[in-house]
Amino acid sequence: MTHVQVHVGPHGRIVIPAEFRKELNMEPGATLVAYVADGNRLVLEDHRAHVARLRGAWRHLVPTGRDPLAELDAERAAEVQLDDAELLGDEAVLDEAHALLARGGRSEAGQ
């Protein structure tokens, strides 16, 4: 591992040395995630690698066969349906929307 001193310039800017950019295949305009680790280390990580690492770290929390984003979208759609039904006084649609919300946004086919 190569160690190189870098200096903090005006407005807190640093220049990533060319050898590091080359080793990381970093092109101008690349998106990095910056965070402090261990209380005193500044870490710069490729955005895609950062997202992939976090997805892997949290994967165990999502049950197999479930799509939390689709469920959230369905739940939001049910809430809109419920609001519309309340405004129109449509009891059948109200019952359907309440049932969908009770299932956490999942359709009966998705259970």
C-alpha atoms as a PDB file:
ATOM      1  CA  MET A   1       0.000   0.000   0.000  1.00  0.00           C
ATOM      2  CA  THR A   2       1.369   3.361  -1.030  1.00  0.00           C
ATOM      3  CA  HIS A   3       1.171   6.246   1.403  1.00  0.00           C
ATOM      4  CA  VAL A   4       1.217   9.804   0.069  1.00  0.00           C
ATOM      5  CA  GLN A   5       0.802  13.060   1.924  1.00  0.00           C
ATOM      6  CA  VAL A   6      -1.958  15.280   0.614  1.00  0.00           C
ATOM      7  CA  HIS A   7      -2.673  18.801   1.704  1.00  0.00           C
ATOM      8  CA  VAL A   8      -5.999  20.433   2.413  1.00  0.00           C
ATOM      9  CA  GLY A   9      -6.372  23.424   0.141  1.00  0.00           C
ATOM     10  CA  PRO A  10      -8.773  26.326  -0.032  1.00  0.00           C
ATOM     11  CA  HIS A  11     -12.368  25.422   0.797  1.00  0.00           C
ATOM     12  CA  GLY A  12     -11.204  22.062   2.244  1.00  0.00           C
ATOM     13  CA  ARG A  13     -10.245  20.602  -1.125  1.00  0.00           C
ATOM     14  CA  ILE A  14      -7.757  17.788  -1.520  1.00  0.00           C
ATOM     15  CA  VAL A  15      -6.320  16.294  -4.698  1.00  0.00           C
ATOM     16  CA  ILE A  16      -6.423  12.525  -5.036  1.00  0.00           C
ATOM     17  CA  PRO A  17      -3.000  11.500  -6.357  1.00  0.00           C
ATOM     18  CA  ALA A  18      -2.911  10.282  -9.965  1.00  0.00           C
ATOM     19  CA  GLU A  19      -1.538   6.857  -8.990  1.00  0.00           C
ATOM     20  CA  PHE A  20      -4.554   6.272  -6.731  1.00  0.00           C
ATOM     21  CA  ARG A  21      -7.007   7.452  -9.383  1.00  0.00           C
ATOM     22  CA  LYS A  22      -5.371   5.125 -11.900  1.00  0.00           C
ATOM     23  CA  GLU A  23      -5.379   2.147  -9.513  1.00  0.00           C
ATOM     24  CA  LEU A  24      -9.071   2.737  -8.746  1.00  0.00           C
ATOM     25  CA  ASN A  25     -10.028   3.432 -12.397  1.00  0.00           C
ATOM     26  CA  MET A  26     -11.423   6.752 -11.198  1.00  0.00           C
ATOM     27  CA  GLU A  27     -12.562   9.095 -13.949  1.00  0.00           C
ATOM     28  CA  PRO A  28     -13.321  12.822 -13.596  1.00  0.00           C
ATOM     29  CA  GLY A  29     -16.848  13.247 -12.293  1.00  0.00           C
ATOM     30  CA  ALA A  30     -16.752  10.010 -10.271  1.00  0.00           C
ATOM     31  CA  THR A  31     -19.010  10.014  -7.216  1.00  0.00           C
ATOM     32  CA  LEU A  32     -17.430   9.166  -3.884  1.00  0.00           C
ATOM     33  CA  VAL A  33     -18.882   8.729  -0.427  1.00  0.00           C
ATOM     34  CA  ALA A  34     -16.892  10.335   2.386  1.00  0.00           C
ATOM     35  CA  TYR A  35     -17.162   9.373   6.034  1.00  0.00           C
ATOM     36  CA  VAL A  36     -15.123   9.389   9.220  1.00  0.00           C
ATOM     37  CA  ALA A  37     -14.150   5.977  10.584  1.00  0.00           C
ATOM     38  CA  ASP A  38     -12.622   5.130  13.943  1.00  0.00           C
ATOM     39  CA  GLY A  39     -12.998   8.748  15.014  1.00  0.00           C
ATOM     40  CA  ASN A  40      -9.955  10.004  13.119  1.00  0.00           C
ATOM     41  CA  ARG A  41      -9.827   8.487   9.611  1.00  0.00           C
ATOM     42  CA  LEU A  42     -11.348  10.110   6.549  1.00  0.00           C
ATOM     43  CA  VAL A  43     -12.521   7.400   4.167  1.00  0.00           C
ATOM     44  CA  LEU A  44     -13.365   8.035   0.512  1.00  0.00           C
ATOM     45  CA  GLU A  45     -15.203   5.157  -1.124  1.00  0.00           C
ATOM     46  CA  ASP A  46     -16.570   4.666  -4.620  1.00  0.00           C
ATOM     47  CA  HIS A  47     -20.321   5.291  -4.466  1.00  0.00           C
ATOM     48  CA  ARG A  48     -21.251   2.021  -6.228  1.00  0.00           C
ATOM     49  CA  ALA A  49     -18.952  -0.028  -3.987  1.00  0.00           C
ATOM     50  CA  HIS A  50     -20.360   1.724  -0.915  1.00  0.00           C
ATOM     51  CA  VAL A  51     -23.981   0.957  -1.907  1.00  0.00           C
ATOM     52  CA  ALA A  52     -23.119  -2.681  -2.728  1.00  0.00           C
ATOM     53  CA  ARG A  53     -21.346  -3.105   0.628  1.00  0.00           C
ATOM     54  CA  LEU A  54     -24.303  -1.671   2.538  1.00  0.00           C
ATOM     55  CA  ARG A  55     -26.797  -3.801   0.620  1.00  0.00           C
ATOM     56  CA  GLY A  56     -24.781  -6.872   1.547  1.00  0.00           C
ATOM     57  CA  ALA A  57     -24.576  -5.819   5.182  1.00  0.00           C
ATOM     58  CA  TRP A  58     -28.361  -5.342   5.464  1.00  0.00           C
ATOM     59  CA  ARG A  59     -29.484  -8.188   3.170  1.00  0.00           C
ATOM     60  CA  HIS A  60     -30.265 -10.484   6.120  1.00  0.00           C
ATOM     61  CA  LEU A  61     -33.010  -8.081   7.245  1.00  0.00           C
ATOM     62  CA  VAL A  62     -35.094  -8.530   4.084  1.00  0.00           C
ATOM     63  CA  PRO A  63     -36.997 -11.825   4.006  1.00  0.00           C
ATOM     64  CA  THR A  64     -36.538 -13.794   0.792  1.00  0.00           C
ATOM     65  CA  GLY A  65     -39.268 -13.401  -1.759  1.00  0.00           C
ATOM     66  CA  ARG A  66     -40.239  -9.934  -0.509  1.00  0.00           C
ATOM     67  CA  ASP A  67     -39.712  -6.594  -2.181  1.00  0.00           C
ATOM     68  CA  PRO A  68     -39.896  -3.885   0.492  1.00  0.00           C
ATOM     69  CA  LEU A  69     -39.928  -1.054  -2.057  1.00  0.00           C
ATOM     70  CA  ALA A  70     -42.829  -2.582  -3.976  1.00  0.00           C
ATOM     71  CA  GLU A  71     -44.657  -3.095  -0.676  1.00  0.00           C
ATOM     72  CA  LEU A  72     -44.072   0.539   0.282  1.00  0.00           C
ATOM     73  CA  ASP A  73     -45.357   1.695  -3.105  1.00  0.00           C
ATOM     74  CA  ALA A  74     -48.454  -0.511  -2.721  1.00  0.00           C
ATOM     75  CA  GLU A  75     -49.044   0.794   0.797  1.00  0.00           C
ATOM     76  CA  ARG A  76     -48.807   4.390  -0.397  1.00  0.00           C
ATOM     77  CA  ALA A  77     -51.188   3.644  -3.272  1.00  0.00           C
ATOM     78  CA  ALA A  78     -53.638   2.100  -0.765  1.00  0.00           C
ATOM     79  CA  GLU A  79     -53.423   5.230   1.388  1.00  0.00           C
ATOM     80  CA  VAL A  80     -54.230   7.404  -1.636  1.00  0.00           C
ATOM     81  CA  GLN A  81     -57.117   5.061  -2.477  1.00  0.00           C
ATOM     82  CA  LEU A  82     -58.346   5.333   1.113  1.00  0.00           C
ATOM     83  CA  ASP A  83     -58.182   9.143   1.027  1.00  0.00           C
ATOM     84  CA  ASP A  84     -60.085   9.218  -2.273  1.00  0.00           C
ATOM     85  CA  ALA A  85     -62.706   6.775  -0.977  1.00  0.00           C
ATOM     86  CA  GLU A  86     -63.201   8.839   2.182  1.00  0.00           C
ATOM     87  CA  LEU A  87     -63.722  11.973   0.102  1.00  0.00           C
ATOM     88  CA  LEU A  88     -66.228  10.202  -2.165  1.00  0.00           C
ATOM     89  CA  GLY A  89     -67.910   8.218   0.633  1.00  0.00           C
ATOM     90  CA  ASP A  90     -67.417   4.942  -1.301  1.00  0.00           C
ATOM     91  CA  GLU A  91     -67.822   2.217   1.364  1.00  0.00           C
ATOM     92  CA  ALA A  92     -66.706  -0.680  -0.885  1.00  0.00           C
ATOM     93  CA  VAL A  93     -63.457   1.075  -1.815  1.00  0.00           C
ATOM     94  CA  LEU A  94     -62.964   2.096   1.826  1.00  0.00           C
ATOM     95  CA  ASP A  95     -63.240  -1.532   2.952  1.00  0.00           C
ATOM     96  CA  GLU A  96     -60.813  -2.668   0.248  1.00  0.00           C
ATOM     97  CA  ALA A  97     -58.267   0.051   1.106  1.00  0.00           C
ATOM     98  CA  HIS A  98     -58.483  -0.713   4.848  1.00  0.00           C
ATOM     99  CA  ALA A  99     -57.915  -4.413   4.132  1.00  0.00           C
ATOM    100  CA  LEU A 100     -54.893  -3.648   1.919  1.00  0.00           C
ATOM    101  CA  LEU A 101     -53.369  -1.386   4.564  1.00  0.00           C
ATOM    102  CA  ALA A 102     -53.936  -4.066   7.217  1.00  0.00           C
ATOM    103  CA  ARG A 103     -51.854  -6.444   5.076  1.00  0.00           C
ATOM    104  CA  GLY A 104     -49.023  -3.904   4.989  1.00  0.00           C
ATOM    105  CA  GLY A 105     -49.642  -3.002   1.367  1.00  0.00           C
ATOM    106  CA  ARG A 106     -49.328  -6.590   0.142  1.00  0.00           C
ATOM    107  CA  SER A 107     -52.013  -7.920  -2.178  1.00  0.00           C
ATOM    108  CA  GLU A 108     -53.743 -11.172  -1.312  1.00  0.00           C
ATOM    109  CA  ALA A 109     -51.878 -12.857  -4.178  1.00  0.00           C
ATOM    110  CA  GLY A 110     -48.544 -11.680  -2.690  1.00  0.00           C
ATOM    111  CA  GLN A 111     -49.194 -13.236   0.729  1.00  0.00           C
END
